[in-house]
């Protein structure tokens, strides 16, 4: 099954790049930078941190459920 995790928009306004990321979890976030490479790095880092945090919450939830091993 396919699911959209993020929608990303990038615009250039004069000499500034503006990036917006949209997700159901984090809502909308904006990033600005004079260099496209730095903007892409910032967006990628933010997404990675959010996905890592989500993975940690899933792990903690699974551990908290007291899943028992069947012998």
C-alpha atoms as a PDB file:
ATOM      1  CA  UNK A   1       0.000   0.000   0.000  1.00  0.00           C
ATOM      2  CA  UNK A   2       1.300   3.435  -0.909  1.00  0.00           C
ATOM      3  CA  UNK A   3       1.081   6.307   1.556  1.00  0.00           C
ATOM      4  CA  UNK A   4       2.240   9.898   1.192  1.00  0.00           C
ATOM      5  CA  UNK A   5       4.386  10.885   4.157  1.00  0.00           C
ATOM      6  CA  UNK A   6       5.395  14.386   3.063  1.00  0.00           C
ATOM      7  CA  UNK A   7       4.549  16.918   0.390  1.00  0.00           C
ATOM      8  CA  UNK A   8       7.439  19.249  -0.401  1.00  0.00           C
ATOM      9  CA  UNK A   9       7.291  22.604  -2.193  1.00  0.00           C
ATOM     10  CA  UNK A  10      10.329  24.669  -3.146  1.00  0.00           C
ATOM     11  CA  UNK A  11      10.103  28.188  -4.557  1.00  0.00           C
ATOM     12  CA  UNK A  12      12.605  30.896  -5.360  1.00  0.00           C
ATOM     13  CA  UNK A  13      11.801  34.460  -4.349  1.00  0.00           C
ATOM     14  CA  UNK A  14      14.553  36.775  -5.577  1.00  0.00           C
ATOM     15  CA  UNK A  15      17.768  35.354  -4.158  1.00  0.00           C
ATOM     16  CA  UNK A  16      16.080  33.327  -1.383  1.00  0.00           C
ATOM     17  CA  UNK A  17      14.861  29.740  -1.665  1.00  0.00           C
ATOM     18  CA  UNK A  18      11.735  28.907   0.297  1.00  0.00           C
ATOM     19  CA  UNK A  19      10.860  25.314   1.131  1.00  0.00           C
ATOM     20  CA  UNK A  20       7.670  24.069   2.724  1.00  0.00           C
ATOM     21  CA  UNK A  21       7.036  20.550   3.922  1.00  0.00           C
ATOM     22  CA  UNK A  22       3.581  19.262   4.766  1.00  0.00           C
ATOM     23  CA  UNK A  23       2.771  16.135   6.758  1.00  0.00           C
ATOM     24  CA  UNK A  24      -0.168  14.791   8.730  1.00  0.00           C
ATOM     25  CA  UNK A  25       2.064  14.371  11.782  1.00  0.00           C
ATOM     26  CA  UNK A  26       4.011  17.668  11.864  1.00  0.00           C
ATOM     27  CA  UNK A  27       1.717  19.962   9.902  1.00  0.00           C
ATOM     28  CA  UNK A  28       3.483  22.586   7.771  1.00  0.00           C
ATOM     29  CA  UNK A  29       7.047  23.783   8.263  1.00  0.00           C
ATOM     30  CA  UNK A  30       8.940  26.462   6.333  1.00  0.00           C
ATOM     31  CA  UNK A  31      12.640  26.727   5.592  1.00  0.00           C
ATOM     32  CA  UNK A  32      14.530  29.601   3.963  1.00  0.00           C
ATOM     33  CA  UNK A  33      18.059  29.790   2.649  1.00  0.00           C
ATOM     34  CA  UNK A  34      20.138  31.611   0.055  1.00  0.00           C
ATOM     35  CA  UNK A  35      21.588  28.322  -1.216  1.00  0.00           C
ATOM     36  CA  UNK A  36      19.451  25.505  -2.600  1.00  0.00           C
ATOM     37  CA  UNK A  37      21.902  22.889  -1.275  1.00  0.00           C
ATOM     38  CA  UNK A  38      21.559  24.202   2.279  1.00  0.00           C
ATOM     39  CA  UNK A  39      17.768  24.344   1.961  1.00  0.00           C
ATOM     40  CA  UNK A  40      17.631  20.728   0.802  1.00  0.00           C
ATOM     41  CA  UNK A  41      19.962  19.703   3.648  1.00  0.00           C
ATOM     42  CA  UNK A  42      17.712  21.419   6.215  1.00  0.00           C
ATOM     43  CA  UNK A  43      14.555  19.806   4.815  1.00  0.00           C
ATOM     44  CA  UNK A  44      16.173  16.365   4.643  1.00  0.00           C
ATOM     45  CA  UNK A  45      17.503  16.639   8.192  1.00  0.00           C
ATOM     46  CA  UNK A  46      14.110  17.691   9.564  1.00  0.00           C
ATOM     47  CA  UNK A  47      12.358  14.778   7.847  1.00  0.00           C
ATOM     48  CA  UNK A  48      15.001  12.315   9.059  1.00  0.00           C
ATOM     49  CA  UNK A  49      14.698  13.529  12.656  1.00  0.00           C
ATOM     50  CA  UNK A  50      10.906  13.253  12.527  1.00  0.00           C
ATOM     51  CA  UNK A  51      11.061   9.713  11.110  1.00  0.00           C
ATOM     52  CA  UNK A  52      13.656   8.661  13.702  1.00  0.00           C
ATOM     53  CA  UNK A  53      11.465  10.039  16.489  1.00  0.00           C
ATOM     54  CA  UNK A  54       8.458   8.173  15.081  1.00  0.00           C
ATOM     55  CA  UNK A  55      10.455   4.916  14.909  1.00  0.00           C
ATOM     56  CA  UNK A  56      11.551   5.369  18.547  1.00  0.00           C
ATOM     57  CA  UNK A  57       7.953   5.906  19.662  1.00  0.00           C
ATOM     58  CA  UNK A  58       6.864   2.738  17.857  1.00  0.00           C
ATOM     59  CA  UNK A  59       9.665   0.769  19.555  1.00  0.00           C
ATOM     60  CA  UNK A  60       8.779   2.153  22.988  1.00  0.00           C
ATOM     61  CA  UNK A  61       5.111   1.342  22.405  1.00  0.00           C
ATOM     62  CA  UNK A  62       5.918  -2.240  21.399  1.00  0.00           C
ATOM     63  CA  UNK A  63       8.154  -2.691  24.457  1.00  0.00           C
ATOM     64  CA  UNK A  64       5.504  -1.198  26.735  1.00  0.00           C
ATOM     65  CA  UNK A  65       2.883  -3.632  25.491  1.00  0.00           C
ATOM     66  CA  UNK A  66       4.664  -6.470  27.283  1.00  0.00           C
ATOM     67  CA  UNK A  67       4.774  -8.690  24.243  1.00  0.00           C
ATOM     68  CA  UNK A  68       5.552 -12.156  25.518  1.00  0.00           C
ATOM     69  CA  UNK A  69       7.670 -14.660  23.711  1.00  0.00           C
ATOM     70  CA  UNK A  70       5.923 -17.949  23.037  1.00  0.00           C
ATOM     71  CA  UNK A  71       8.020 -21.016  23.877  1.00  0.00           C
END
